[in-house]
Amino acid sequence: MDRYIQEQPRDFLAVATPGAGKTTFALTLASWLLHHHVVQQVTVVAPTEHLKKQWAEAAARVGIKLDPEYSAGPLSREYHGVAVTYAGVGVRPMLHRNRVEQRKTLVILDEIHHAGDSKSWGEACLEAFEPATRRLALTGTPFRSDTNPIPFVAYEEGNDGIRRSAADYTYGYGSALGDGVVRPVIFLSYSGNMRWRTKAGDEIAARLGEPMTKDAVSQAWRTALDPRGDWMPNVLQAADRRLGEVRKAIPDAGGLVIASDQDSARAYAKLIREITGDKATLVLSDDAGASQRIDDFSQSDDRWMVAVRMVSEGVDVPRLAVGVYATTISTPLFFAQAVGRFVRSRRRGETASVFLPTVPDLLTFANEMEVERDHVLDKPKKQGEEDPYAESEKEMDEANKQEDEDTGEQDMLPFEALESDAVFDRVLYDGAEFGMQAHPGSEEEQDYLGIPGLLEPDQVQMLLQKRQARQIAHSKKKPAEEADLLELPAERRPVVSHKELLELRKQLNTMVGAYVHQSGKPHGVIHTELRRTCGGPPSAEATAGQLRQRIAKVQEWATRMK
């Protein structure tokens, strides 16, 4: 507010983490501009029908009346303005331009990255609101995976020649966490053995979290999320136990399962009924009925809601404190929006918990919660350099479909899930990883599920360290033959992608090649010596940890020779 009132800009972009109070800021500012006669009316543009109604309700609470049902013609005198969707502006841009030209208007563009969703939406926004007196753009996730420029956003070129969005004010998750405005997020990751049949009829078995090709990761992930296997029931049971613990401190705390499609959502709701004995609220699409169900759930103290995709953005249910990420969407934008549903704090000390499959991309996003990103308008052109957001546009389009109709896609998948089991794998918090693997229902798992629901961020860290130390001590007392799971702390079990594994093999071969010249021994002899010294299989089958150990050993040998 201070920055805006001091500078009085025509365009202002505020980037603030979900849960930080963007709506409150925008409506306080709207009230100030109306009171000082800088503007005479307000137009709010939101991504969805549900959000449009939410804006109208929030505005009414501060004395600003917005019509969320406006479609055409003159506006009733009782209203200060309208709330519309980007799609609505896309259909009739001239209608909104005429309104903006007739009276001095403040346009609030909520989650403005959506104005870049399609070229026509962006062009419609430019056409409709170019004459506006003031434009306030808001977003919690300013980065997009494409290079569509976002209307009314300034881009500045960096030293690398790449243009990035420039915010007028940024309030990231890290800052909000320090101020107690948002909840600390504890991510609980689950691994397990997956078995599936490919289109060619081959049966494949793999463990979530082990390095695999991209296709294998995708198929193992889908196998885990199949409601007929054991992975989802075990994870839902663990999530419900966590919710029970959180409700001791936050009595109305709720849980949300984000599903990939309608069939899965129905199946998950059925599993929750079997596990808890209570019915879950099912939200299948962004229609009027769904909006009402979300509102009803928000006002109740029911335990669980299951929703398909679109609920990841624009659902303001502050009591949501436990989440299950049960979708295969792997874009940083969708992940940030999904986690954003759980971080809104109502009182200091509340924690949020999100359950994830052990998939490299998701664990990377979880570890980078506090990284602030901008929208990049130019893609890096360096050879071999991959843009982490390059492949996600199609996924985001899928994720943000307003109608979650059955597309028949699930019937055409090139594999069939056969069986899955779940293993508690690790806890991720504030960029660090804790815990050893544990069976569902075990005391070790309960140690982490039982973390209190009210804790300060530094207390979470301290408690996780204590729980891990206790788990390690308990493990050491057991006879070695009883260790049926990998009994190593999470930080010593890095989850690496197939690409990273290839890089490690390449690095090892380069190091061995250099040592060949230094020692005069053949490649094969050095590799055999490394295996004998460090243990483990040939490098083609070695894990990331084993490869790193061998790289360190060759470096040690080479240093000694010098």
Protein backbone atom coordinates (compact mmCIF):
# COMPACT_ATOMS: atom_id res chain seq x y z
CA MET A 1 0.00 0.00 0.00
CA ASP A 2 2.78 2.41 0.98
CA ARG A 3 4.70 1.74 -2.23
CA TYR A 4 1.57 2.18 -4.37
CA ILE A 5 0.32 5.36 -2.70
CA GLN A 6 3.79 6.88 -2.86
CA GLU A 7 4.29 6.14 -6.59
CA GLN A 8 0.68 6.25 -7.89
CA PRO A 9 1.52 4.06 -10.92
CA ARG A 10 -0.93 3.26 -13.69
CA ASP A 11 0.27 -0.39 -13.73
CA PHE A 12 1.37 -2.29 -10.64
CA LEU A 13 2.34 -5.99 -10.41
CA ALA A 14 2.23 -7.53 -6.92
CA VAL A 15 3.70 -11.02 -6.63
CA ALA A 16 2.81 -12.64 -3.31
CA THR A 17 2.80 -16.24 -2.17
CA PRO A 18 -0.62 -17.97 -1.93
CA GLY A 19 -2.13 -17.18 1.46
CA ALA A 20 -0.32 -13.85 1.90
CA GLY A 21 -3.42 -11.67 1.48
CA LYS A 22 -3.44 -10.46 -2.15
CA THR A 23 -7.24 -10.12 -2.11
CA THR A 24 -7.19 -8.02 1.07
CA PHE A 25 -4.48 -5.75 -0.39
CA ALA A 26 -6.31 -5.31 -3.70
CA LEU A 27 -9.68 -4.50 -2.07
CA THR A 28 -8.11 -2.11 0.48
CA LEU A 29 -6.44 -0.33 -2.43
CA ALA A 30 -9.71 -0.31 -4.44
CA SER A 31 -11.47 1.23 -1.45
CA TRP A 32 -8.74 3.92 -1.17
CA LEU A 33 -8.88 4.77 -4.90
CA LEU A 34 -12.71 4.99 -4.86
CA HIS A 35 -12.67 7.13 -1.69
CA HIS A 36 -10.12 9.56 -3.21
CA HIS A 37 -12.06 9.69 -6.51
CA VAL A 38 -9.05 8.42 -8.47
CA VAL A 39 -11.44 5.85 -9.98
CA GLN A 40 -15.23 5.59 -10.17
CA GLN A 41 -15.67 1.86 -10.67
CA VAL A 42 -13.86 -1.48 -10.28
CA THR A 43 -13.55 -4.49 -12.61
CA VAL A 44 -12.09 -7.72 -11.21
CA VAL A 45 -10.93 -10.37 -13.70
CA ALA A 46 -10.45 -13.87 -12.21
CA PRO A 47 -9.48 -17.25 -13.72
CA THR A 48 -12.62 -19.22 -12.73
CA GLU A 49 -16.34 -18.86 -12.02
CA HIS A 50 -15.76 -19.92 -8.40
CA LEU A 51 -13.06 -17.29 -7.86
CA LYS A 52 -15.23 -14.59 -9.43
CA LYS A 53 -17.94 -15.25 -6.80
CA GLN A 54 -15.29 -15.41 -4.07
CA TRP A 55 -14.06 -11.92 -5.08
CA ALA A 56 -17.60 -10.50 -4.99
CA GLU A 57 -18.15 -11.92 -1.48
CA ALA A 58 -14.80 -10.59 -0.21
CA ALA A 59 -15.49 -7.14 -1.73
CA ALA A 60 -18.92 -7.00 -0.07
CA ARG A 61 -17.23 -7.43 3.32
CA VAL A 62 -15.32 -4.15 2.82
CA GLY A 63 -18.33 -2.28 1.42
CA ILE A 64 -17.55 -2.67 -2.32
CA LYS A 65 -20.44 -4.22 -4.28
CA LEU A 66 -19.37 -6.22 -7.35
CA ASP A 67 -21.81 -7.99 -9.68
CA PRO A 68 -20.45 -11.53 -10.30
CA GLU A 69 -23.32 -12.34 -12.72
CA TYR A 70 -22.74 -9.40 -15.08
CA SER A 71 -22.97 -10.33 -18.77
CA ALA A 72 -23.95 -7.19 -20.76
CA GLY A 73 -25.75 -3.85 -20.72
CA PRO A 74 -25.81 -1.07 -18.11
CA LEU A 75 -24.89 -1.98 -14.54
CA SER A 76 -27.37 -1.41 -11.71
CA ARG A 77 -26.53 1.76 -9.69
CA GLU A 78 -26.17 -0.24 -6.47
CA TYR A 79 -22.93 -1.81 -7.74
CA HIS A 80 -19.39 -0.35 -7.70
CA GLY A 81 -18.32 -2.67 -10.52
CA VAL A 82 -18.22 -6.20 -11.86
CA ALA A 83 -16.34 -9.51 -11.36
CA VAL A 84 -15.72 -11.42 -14.60
CA THR A 85 -13.50 -14.27 -15.87
CA TYR A 86 -10.64 -14.13 -18.40
CA ALA A 87 -12.74 -16.38 -20.64
CA GLY A 88 -15.65 -13.91 -20.39
CA VAL A 89 -13.38 -11.00 -21.40
CA GLY A 90 -12.06 -13.17 -24.25
CA VAL A 91 -15.59 -13.56 -25.65
CA ARG A 92 -16.60 -9.85 -25.46
CA PRO A 93 -13.56 -7.55 -25.12
CA MET A 94 -15.33 -4.50 -26.64
CA LEU A 95 -18.14 -4.66 -24.06
CA HIS A 96 -15.54 -4.22 -21.29
CA ARG A 97 -13.58 -1.60 -23.23
CA ASN A 98 -16.74 0.53 -23.56
CA ARG A 99 -17.36 0.29 -19.80
CA VAL A 100 -13.74 1.28 -19.06
CA GLU A 101 -13.91 4.24 -21.48
CA GLN A 102 -17.15 5.59 -19.99
CA ARG A 103 -15.93 5.84 -16.37
CA LYS A 104 -12.53 5.93 -14.65
CA THR A 105 -11.84 2.29 -13.82
CA LEU A 106 -9.51 0.25 -11.62
CA VAL A 107 -8.99 -3.17 -13.22
CA ILE A 108 -7.78 -5.91 -10.84
CA LEU A 109 -6.26 -8.78 -12.82
CA ASP A 110 -6.16 -11.73 -10.44
CA GLU A 111 -3.62 -14.52 -11.15
CA ILE A 112 -2.59 -12.51 -14.21
CA HIS A 113 -0.41 -15.32 -15.59
CA HIS A 114 -3.74 -16.73 -16.89
CA ALA A 115 -3.99 -13.81 -19.31
CA GLY A 116 -1.16 -15.55 -21.18
CA ASP A 117 -3.06 -18.89 -21.31
CA SER A 118 -4.04 -18.28 -24.91
CA LYS A 119 -3.11 -15.62 -27.42
CA SER A 120 -6.76 -14.61 -27.74
CA TRP A 121 -7.15 -14.07 -23.96
CA GLY A 122 -4.03 -11.90 -23.83
CA GLU A 123 -5.14 -9.86 -26.86
CA ALA A 124 -8.67 -9.52 -25.43
CA CYS A 125 -7.29 -8.22 -22.10
CA LEU A 126 -5.11 -5.69 -23.92
CA GLU A 127 -8.03 -4.54 -26.04
CA ALA A 128 -10.52 -4.38 -23.17
CA PHE A 129 -8.36 -2.71 -20.51
CA GLU A 130 -5.84 -0.62 -22.44
CA PRO A 131 -7.88 2.60 -21.66
CA ALA A 132 -8.21 1.78 -17.90
CA THR A 133 -7.20 4.51 -15.43
CA ARG A 134 -5.42 2.04 -13.12
CA ARG A 135 -4.47 -1.63 -13.52
CA LEU A 136 -3.45 -3.82 -10.59
CA ALA A 137 -2.03 -7.23 -11.52
CA LEU A 138 -1.78 -9.97 -8.87
CA THR A 139 -0.17 -13.39 -8.94
CA GLY A 140 1.15 -16.00 -6.55
CA THR A 141 3.02 -17.85 -9.31
CA PRO A 142 4.34 -15.38 -11.90
CA PHE A 143 6.30 -17.97 -13.88
CA ARG A 144 4.78 -19.64 -16.94
CA SER A 145 6.19 -22.51 -18.92
CA ASP A 146 5.72 -20.79 -22.29
CA THR A 147 6.94 -17.50 -23.74
CA ASN A 148 3.52 -15.85 -24.20
CA PRO A 149 3.95 -12.29 -22.87
CA ILE A 150 1.54 -11.46 -20.05
CA PRO A 151 -0.46 -8.25 -20.71
CA PHE A 152 0.43 -5.14 -18.64
CA VAL A 153 3.52 -6.84 -17.18
CA ALA A 154 6.90 -5.13 -17.61
CA TYR A 155 9.85 -7.28 -18.73
CA GLU A 156 13.47 -6.37 -18.06
CA GLU A 157 16.48 -7.80 -19.85
CA GLY A 158 19.13 -9.37 -17.62
CA ASN A 159 22.88 -9.57 -18.21
CA ASP A 160 22.31 -12.91 -19.97
CA GLY A 161 20.11 -11.22 -22.60
CA ILE A 162 16.99 -12.96 -21.28
CA ARG A 163 13.88 -10.88 -20.48
CA ARG A 164 12.12 -11.63 -17.20
CA SER A 165 8.96 -10.25 -15.62
CA ALA A 166 9.63 -7.36 -13.24
CA ALA A 167 7.34 -7.13 -10.20
CA ASP A 168 6.70 -3.81 -8.44
CA TYR A 169 6.39 -5.63 -5.14
CA THR A 170 7.33 -9.21 -4.22
CA TYR A 171 6.43 -11.04 -1.03
CA GLY A 172 7.69 -14.63 -1.29
CA TYR A 173 6.93 -17.74 0.74
CA GLY A 174 10.21 -17.38 2.69
CA SER A 175 9.33 -13.84 3.84
CA ALA A 176 5.73 -14.79 4.63
CA LEU A 177 6.93 -17.79 6.65
CA GLY A 178 9.26 -15.56 8.68
CA ASP A 179 6.34 -13.20 9.40
CA GLY A 180 4.05 -16.05 10.46
CA VAL A 181 1.63 -15.22 7.62
CA VAL A 182 1.80 -18.69 6.05
CA ARG A 183 2.21 -22.17 7.47
CA PRO A 184 5.42 -24.16 7.27
CA VAL A 185 4.86 -27.13 4.91
CA ILE A 186 6.00 -30.61 5.90
CA PHE A 187 6.18 -32.90 2.83
CA LEU A 188 5.82 -36.63 3.55
CA SER A 189 7.09 -38.73 0.67
CA TYR A 190 6.16 -42.38 0.02
CA SER A 191 8.07 -44.88 -2.08
CA GLY A 192 7.17 -48.54 -2.81
CA ASN A 193 7.39 -51.34 -5.36
CA MET A 194 5.35 -50.96 -8.55
CA ARG A 195 4.54 -53.57 -11.16
CA TRP A 196 2.86 -52.87 -14.51
CA ARG A 197 2.38 -54.34 -17.98
CA THR A 198 3.43 -52.36 -21.05
CA LYS A 199 1.54 -52.17 -24.34
CA ALA A 200 3.97 -54.79 -25.72
CA GLY A 201 2.88 -57.18 -22.96
CA ASP A 202 6.12 -56.95 -20.93
CA GLU A 203 5.80 -56.91 -17.15
CA ILE A 204 8.02 -54.33 -15.47
CA ALA A 205 8.78 -53.96 -11.77
CA ALA A 206 10.42 -50.85 -10.31
CA ARG A 207 10.67 -48.94 -7.05
CA LEU A 208 9.51 -45.34 -6.83
CA GLY A 209 12.48 -43.05 -6.28
CA GLU A 210 14.99 -45.25 -8.10
CA PRO A 211 16.55 -43.76 -11.25
CA MET A 212 14.48 -44.72 -14.29
CA THR A 213 13.82 -43.43 -17.78
CA LYS A 214 11.23 -40.67 -18.03
CA ASP A 215 8.61 -43.10 -19.41
CA ALA A 216 9.25 -45.61 -16.61
CA VAL A 217 8.94 -42.87 -13.95
CA SER A 218 5.62 -41.83 -15.49
CA GLN A 219 4.28 -45.41 -15.56
CA ALA A 220 5.51 -46.25 -12.04
CA TRP A 221 3.88 -43.02 -10.81
CA ARG A 222 0.55 -43.89 -12.49
CA THR A 223 0.75 -47.40 -11.02
CA ALA A 224 1.15 -45.87 -7.54
CA LEU A 225 -1.93 -43.66 -8.03
CA ASP A 226 -4.09 -46.58 -9.25
CA PRO A 227 -6.81 -46.92 -6.58
CA ARG A 228 -6.87 -50.73 -7.03
CA GLY A 229 -3.28 -51.12 -5.76
CA ASP A 230 -2.11 -50.88 -2.15
CA TRP A 231 -0.14 -47.61 -2.48
CA MET A 232 -3.10 -45.18 -2.46
CA PRO A 233 -5.06 -46.86 0.39
CA ASN A 234 -1.89 -46.90 2.55
CA VAL A 235 -1.06 -43.25 1.79
CA LEU A 236 -4.67 -42.12 2.35
CA GLN A 237 -4.68 -43.98 5.68
CA ALA A 238 -1.41 -42.28 6.70
CA ALA A 239 -2.78 -38.88 5.59
CA ASP A 240 -5.94 -39.44 7.64
CA ARG A 241 -3.84 -40.33 10.71
CA ARG A 242 -1.86 -37.13 10.15
CA LEU A 243 -5.12 -35.18 9.85
CA GLY A 244 -6.29 -36.70 13.15
CA GLU A 245 -3.08 -35.46 14.81
CA VAL A 246 -3.45 -31.97 13.31
CA ARG A 247 -7.10 -31.76 14.42
CA LYS A 248 -5.98 -32.09 18.06
CA ALA A 249 -4.58 -28.55 17.70
CA ILE A 250 -6.77 -27.30 14.82
CA PRO A 251 -10.20 -28.92 15.47
CA ASP A 252 -11.72 -28.00 12.08
CA ALA A 253 -8.64 -28.90 9.97
CA GLY A 254 -9.56 -30.48 6.63
CA GLY A 255 -7.79 -32.61 4.04
CA LEU A 256 -7.77 -32.38 0.24
CA VAL A 257 -6.88 -35.10 -2.28
CA ILE A 258 -6.00 -33.66 -5.71
CA ALA A 259 -6.85 -36.33 -8.31
CA SER A 260 -5.99 -36.62 -12.01
CA ASP A 261 -9.43 -37.55 -13.36
CA GLN A 262 -13.05 -38.17 -12.36
CA ASP A 263 -12.83 -41.98 -12.10
CA SER A 264 -9.83 -41.81 -9.77
CA ALA A 265 -11.50 -39.07 -7.70
CA ARG A 266 -14.61 -41.24 -7.19
CA ALA A 267 -12.44 -44.24 -6.28
CA TYR A 268 -10.40 -42.17 -3.77
CA ALA A 269 -13.62 -40.84 -2.19
CA LYS A 270 -14.79 -44.47 -1.79
CA LEU A 271 -11.46 -45.44 -0.16
CA ILE A 272 -11.72 -42.51 2.27
CA ARG A 273 -15.24 -43.66 3.23
CA GLU A 274 -13.87 -47.17 3.91
CA ILE A 275 -10.88 -45.83 5.91
CA THR A 276 -12.67 -43.16 7.98
CA GLY A 277 -16.32 -44.21 7.95
CA ASP A 278 -17.15 -40.64 6.82
CA LYS A 279 -18.20 -39.46 3.39
CA ALA A 280 -15.74 -37.25 1.48
CA THR A 281 -16.92 -34.14 -0.42
CA LEU A 282 -16.43 -34.84 -4.13
CA VAL A 283 -15.73 -31.91 -6.48
CA LEU A 284 -15.61 -33.02 -10.11
CA SER A 285 -15.76 -29.82 -12.14
CA ASP A 286 -15.87 -26.07 -12.01
CA ASP A 287 -19.66 -25.82 -12.37
CA ALA A 288 -22.13 -24.03 -10.10
CA GLY A 289 -22.80 -27.20 -8.08
CA ALA A 290 -19.08 -27.74 -7.48
CA SER A 291 -18.70 -24.16 -6.28
CA GLN A 292 -21.48 -24.69 -3.75
CA ARG A 293 -19.92 -27.97 -2.54
CA ILE A 294 -16.58 -26.19 -1.99
CA ASP A 295 -18.37 -23.43 -0.02
CA ASP A 296 -20.27 -25.99 2.07
CA PHE A 297 -17.05 -27.90 2.83
CA SER A 298 -15.33 -24.63 3.75
CA GLN A 299 -18.03 -23.82 6.32
CA SER A 300 -18.22 -27.35 7.77
CA ASP A 301 -15.75 -29.33 9.86
CA ASP A 302 -15.85 -32.42 7.57
CA ARG A 303 -12.54 -34.25 7.25
CA TRP A 304 -11.93 -34.78 3.51
CA MET A 305 -12.55 -33.28 0.08
CA VAL A 306 -11.50 -35.00 -3.17
CA ALA A 307 -11.20 -32.79 -6.22
CA VAL A 308 -10.03 -33.01 -9.82
CA ARG A 309 -7.16 -30.80 -11.00
CA MET A 310 -8.71 -27.34 -11.29
CA VAL A 311 -9.22 -27.02 -7.53
CA SER A 312 -5.47 -26.47 -7.21
CA GLU A 313 -5.97 -22.79 -7.92
CA GLY A 314 -8.72 -20.52 -6.75
CA VAL A 315 -10.08 -22.55 -3.88
CA ASP A 316 -9.85 -20.58 -0.70
CA VAL A 317 -10.55 -23.02 2.13
CA PRO A 318 -8.29 -21.76 4.95
CA ARG A 319 -8.97 -24.82 7.13
CA LEU A 320 -7.25 -27.16 4.61
CA ALA A 321 -4.12 -28.38 6.41
CA VAL A 322 -3.39 -31.84 4.95
CA GLY A 323 -3.03 -32.64 1.25
CA VAL A 324 -2.45 -35.70 -0.92
CA TYR A 325 -0.86 -34.94 -4.30
CA ALA A 326 -2.52 -37.77 -6.28
CA THR A 327 -2.06 -36.41 -9.79
CA THR A 328 0.65 -37.00 -12.40
CA ILE A 329 0.92 -33.31 -13.32
CA SER A 330 4.59 -32.40 -12.86
CA THR A 331 4.86 -28.69 -13.67
CA PRO A 332 6.34 -26.29 -11.10
CA LEU A 333 3.41 -23.91 -11.67
CA PHE A 334 0.71 -26.50 -10.88
CA PHE A 335 2.68 -27.84 -7.92
CA ALA A 336 3.06 -24.32 -6.45
CA GLN A 337 -0.66 -23.67 -6.91
CA ALA A 338 -1.58 -27.03 -5.36
CA VAL A 339 0.61 -26.51 -2.28
CA GLY A 340 -0.78 -22.97 -2.07
CA ARG A 341 -4.13 -24.47 -1.00
CA PHE A 342 -2.62 -25.53 2.35
CA VAL A 343 -0.34 -22.67 3.39
CA ARG A 344 -2.86 -19.99 4.38
CA SER A 345 -2.40 -19.43 8.11
CA ARG A 346 -5.21 -18.38 10.43
CA ARG A 347 -3.15 -18.26 13.61
CA ARG A 348 0.52 -18.51 14.32
CA GLY A 349 2.01 -21.99 14.66
CA GLU A 350 -0.30 -23.92 12.31
CA THR A 351 1.54 -26.45 10.11
CA ALA A 352 0.58 -27.88 6.70
CA SER A 353 1.34 -31.44 5.59
CA VAL A 354 1.42 -32.64 1.96
CA PHE A 355 1.80 -36.33 0.99
CA LEU A 356 3.73 -37.07 -2.22
CA PRO A 357 4.99 -40.03 -4.22
CA THR A 358 8.82 -40.25 -4.26
CA VAL A 359 9.23 -38.81 -7.76
CA PRO A 360 12.39 -36.74 -8.52
CA ASP A 361 10.53 -33.74 -10.02
CA LEU A 362 8.10 -33.43 -7.09
CA LEU A 363 10.86 -33.73 -4.49
CA THR A 364 12.82 -31.01 -6.31
CA PHE A 365 9.78 -28.68 -6.24
CA ALA A 366 9.21 -29.47 -2.54
CA ASN A 367 12.84 -28.63 -1.75
CA GLU A 368 12.58 -25.35 -3.69
CA MET A 369 9.44 -24.02 -1.99
CA GLU A 370 11.19 -20.76 -1.10
CA VAL A 371 12.71 -20.09 -4.53
CA GLU A 372 11.17 -16.96 -6.06
CA ARG A 373 10.76 -17.16 -9.82
CA ASP A 374 9.86 -14.70 -12.55
CA HIS A 375 8.21 -15.26 -15.92
CA VAL A 376 10.99 -15.80 -18.48
CA LEU A 377 10.12 -14.39 -21.89
CA ASP A 378 13.12 -15.82 -23.76
CA LYS A 379 14.33 -19.39 -23.58
CA PRO A 380 18.03 -20.15 -23.02
CA LYS A 381 19.59 -21.03 -26.36
CA LYS A 382 22.70 -22.77 -25.05
CA GLN A 383 23.26 -26.15 -26.60
CA GLY A 384 22.30 -29.02 -24.36
CA GLU A 385 20.78 -26.73 -21.72
CA GLU A 386 17.30 -27.75 -20.72
CA ASP A 387 14.69 -25.32 -19.52
CA PRO A 388 12.91 -26.94 -16.54
CA TYR A 389 9.58 -25.42 -17.61
CA ALA A 390 9.83 -26.10 -21.36
CA GLU A 391 7.74 -29.23 -21.57
CA SER A 392 5.01 -28.27 -19.17
CA GLU A 393 2.66 -26.14 -21.26
CA LYS A 394 0.52 -29.02 -22.49
CA GLU A 395 0.29 -30.32 -18.92
CA MET A 396 -0.82 -26.92 -17.63
CA ASP A 397 -3.51 -26.70 -20.32
CA GLU A 398 -4.71 -30.13 -19.22
CA ALA A 399 -4.57 -29.17 -15.55
CA ASN A 400 -6.53 -25.96 -16.04
CA LYS A 401 -9.38 -27.39 -18.11
CA GLN A 402 -12.48 -25.98 -16.49
CA GLU A 403 -14.58 -29.00 -17.41
CA ASP A 404 -13.02 -32.15 -16.06
CA GLU A 405 -14.91 -34.37 -18.46
CA ASP A 406 -13.77 -37.93 -19.09
CA THR A 407 -11.71 -37.80 -22.25
CA GLY A 408 -11.24 -41.55 -22.52
CA GLU A 409 -7.48 -40.96 -22.16
CA GLN A 410 -7.21 -43.41 -19.29
CA ASP A 411 -8.42 -46.26 -21.52
CA MET A 412 -5.68 -45.54 -24.05
CA LEU A 413 -2.72 -45.57 -21.66
CA PRO A 414 0.12 -47.70 -23.01
CA PHE A 415 0.32 -49.81 -19.84
CA GLU A 416 -1.75 -51.61 -17.24
CA ALA A 417 -1.12 -51.18 -13.51
CA LEU A 418 -0.79 -54.59 -11.86
CA GLU A 419 0.20 -54.02 -8.23
CA SER A 420 1.74 -51.49 -5.87
CA ASP A 421 2.76 -51.22 -2.26
CA ALA A 422 3.74 -48.21 -0.13
CA VAL A 423 6.76 -47.50 2.03
CA PHE A 424 7.22 -44.32 4.08
CA ASP A 425 10.33 -42.81 2.49
CA ARG A 426 11.27 -39.40 3.93
CA VAL A 427 10.11 -36.02 5.24
CA LEU A 428 11.14 -32.87 3.36
CA TYR A 429 11.12 -29.58 5.22
CA ASP A 430 12.81 -26.26 4.49
CA GLY A 431 15.13 -27.74 1.85
CA ALA A 432 16.34 -30.56 4.17
CA GLU A 433 15.39 -34.26 4.20
CA PHE A 434 14.77 -36.48 7.24
CA GLY A 435 13.89 -40.05 8.11
CA MET A 436 14.66 -43.62 7.15
CA GLN A 437 12.26 -45.89 5.31
CA ALA A 438 9.46 -47.47 7.35
CA HIS A 439 6.47 -49.73 6.75
CA PRO A 440 2.96 -48.20 6.78
CA GLY A 441 1.43 -48.57 10.22
CA SER A 442 4.82 -48.95 11.94
CA GLU A 443 5.94 -47.02 15.03
CA GLU A 444 8.65 -45.35 12.92
CA GLU A 445 6.07 -43.98 10.46
CA GLN A 446 3.82 -42.87 13.33
CA ASP A 447 6.75 -40.90 14.76
CA TYR A 448 6.52 -38.54 11.77
CA LEU A 449 2.73 -38.63 11.33
CA GLY A 450 2.40 -37.68 15.01
CA ILE A 451 4.25 -34.35 14.76
CA PRO A 452 2.06 -31.73 16.52
CA GLY A 453 -0.18 -29.56 14.33
CA LEU A 454 0.88 -26.34 16.11
CA LEU A 455 4.61 -25.60 15.84
CA GLU A 456 6.86 -22.66 15.00
CA PRO A 457 9.05 -23.23 11.86
CA ASP A 458 12.26 -23.72 13.89
CA GLN A 459 10.49 -26.18 16.19
CA VAL A 460 9.51 -28.31 13.16
CA GLN A 461 13.18 -28.56 12.15
CA MET A 462 14.30 -29.46 15.66
CA LEU A 463 11.59 -32.09 16.11
CA LEU A 464 12.36 -33.75 12.75
CA GLN A 465 16.05 -33.99 13.69
CA LYS A 466 15.10 -35.61 17.02
CA ARG A 467 12.72 -38.10 15.35
CA GLN A 468 15.40 -39.09 12.83
CA ALA A 469 18.01 -39.56 15.59
CA ARG A 470 15.56 -41.77 17.49
CA GLN A 471 14.83 -43.82 14.36
CA ILE A 472 18.57 -44.31 13.66
CA ALA A 473 19.23 -45.37 17.27
CA HIS A 474 16.33 -47.84 17.13
CA SER A 475 17.62 -49.24 13.82
CA LYS A 476 21.12 -49.83 15.24
CA LYS A 477 19.72 -52.00 18.03
CA LYS A 478 18.06 -54.39 15.57
CA PRO A 479 19.98 -57.43 14.20
CA ALA A 480 21.19 -56.81 10.62
CA GLU A 481 19.04 -59.66 9.22
CA GLU A 482 15.87 -57.85 10.35
CA ALA A 483 16.63 -54.82 8.17
CA ASP A 484 14.20 -55.52 5.30
CA LEU A 485 14.16 -51.86 4.18
CA LEU A 486 17.00 -49.55 3.20
CA GLU A 487 18.05 -48.28 6.62
CA LEU A 488 19.88 -45.09 5.71
CA PRO A 489 18.88 -41.49 6.59
CA ALA A 490 17.18 -39.60 3.74
CA GLU A 491 20.10 -37.23 3.12
CA ARG A 492 22.25 -40.29 2.30
CA ARG A 493 19.60 -41.65 -0.10
CA PRO A 494 19.40 -38.94 -2.76
CA VAL A 495 16.52 -39.32 -5.21
CA VAL A 496 18.08 -38.82 -8.61
CA SER A 497 16.64 -38.73 -12.11
CA HIS A 498 17.74 -41.05 -14.92
CA LYS A 499 19.53 -38.07 -16.50
CA GLU A 500 21.52 -37.36 -13.30
CA LEU A 501 22.51 -41.04 -13.10
CA LEU A 502 23.83 -40.91 -16.68
CA GLU A 503 25.83 -37.79 -15.75
CA LEU A 504 27.39 -39.59 -12.75
CA ARG A 505 28.35 -42.59 -14.92
CA LYS A 506 29.87 -40.21 -17.47
CA GLN A 507 31.78 -38.39 -14.69
CA LEU A 508 33.11 -41.71 -13.31
CA ASN A 509 34.27 -42.84 -16.76
CA THR A 510 36.03 -39.47 -17.32
CA MET A 511 37.78 -39.77 -13.93
CA VAL A 512 38.80 -43.38 -14.65
CA GLY A 513 40.06 -42.30 -18.11
CA ALA A 514 42.25 -39.61 -16.56
CA TYR A 515 43.55 -42.09 -13.96
CA VAL A 516 44.41 -44.58 -16.74
CA HIS A 517 46.96 -42.07 -18.11
CA GLN A 518 48.30 -41.36 -14.64
CA SER A 519 48.62 -44.97 -13.43
CA GLY A 520 49.17 -46.85 -16.68
CA LYS A 521 46.55 -49.45 -15.64
CA PRO A 522 43.77 -50.47 -18.11
CA HIS A 523 40.17 -49.19 -17.64
CA GLY A 524 38.83 -52.64 -16.71
CA VAL A 525 41.39 -53.14 -13.96
CA ILE A 526 40.57 -49.76 -12.35
CA HIS A 527 36.80 -50.44 -12.48
CA THR A 528 37.37 -53.87 -10.86
CA GLU A 529 39.53 -52.32 -8.13
CA LEU A 530 36.84 -49.70 -7.47
CA ARG A 531 34.18 -52.41 -7.13
CA ARG A 532 36.38 -54.42 -4.78
CA THR A 533 37.19 -51.36 -2.63
CA CYS A 534 33.75 -49.72 -2.57
CA GLY A 535 31.49 -52.74 -3.09
CA GLY A 536 28.41 -52.91 -5.30
CA PRO A 537 27.56 -54.04 -8.84
CA PRO A 538 29.12 -52.95 -12.18
CA SER A 539 28.73 -49.18 -12.81
CA ALA A 540 25.89 -49.77 -15.32
CA GLU A 541 23.79 -51.12 -12.40
CA ALA A 542 25.26 -49.04 -9.55
CA THR A 543 23.14 -46.55 -7.59
CA ALA A 544 23.90 -42.82 -7.50
CA GLY A 545 25.45 -43.19 -4.02
CA GLN A 546 27.75 -46.02 -5.18
CA LEU A 547 28.85 -44.02 -8.25
CA ARG A 548 29.63 -40.95 -6.09
CA GLN A 549 31.64 -43.17 -3.72
CA ARG A 550 33.71 -44.52 -6.64
CA ILE A 551 34.27 -41.01 -8.05
CA ALA A 552 35.58 -39.89 -4.63
CA LYS A 553 37.82 -42.99 -4.41
CA VAL A 554 39.42 -42.38 -7.87
CA GLN A 555 40.02 -38.74 -6.89
CA GLU A 556 41.70 -39.94 -3.69
CA TRP A 557 43.94 -42.37 -5.65
CA ALA A 558 44.86 -39.69 -8.21
CA THR A 559 45.73 -37.18 -5.46
CA ARG A 560 47.99 -39.73 -3.74
CA MET A 561 49.89 -40.35 -6.98
CA LYS A 562 50.57 -36.62 -7.36
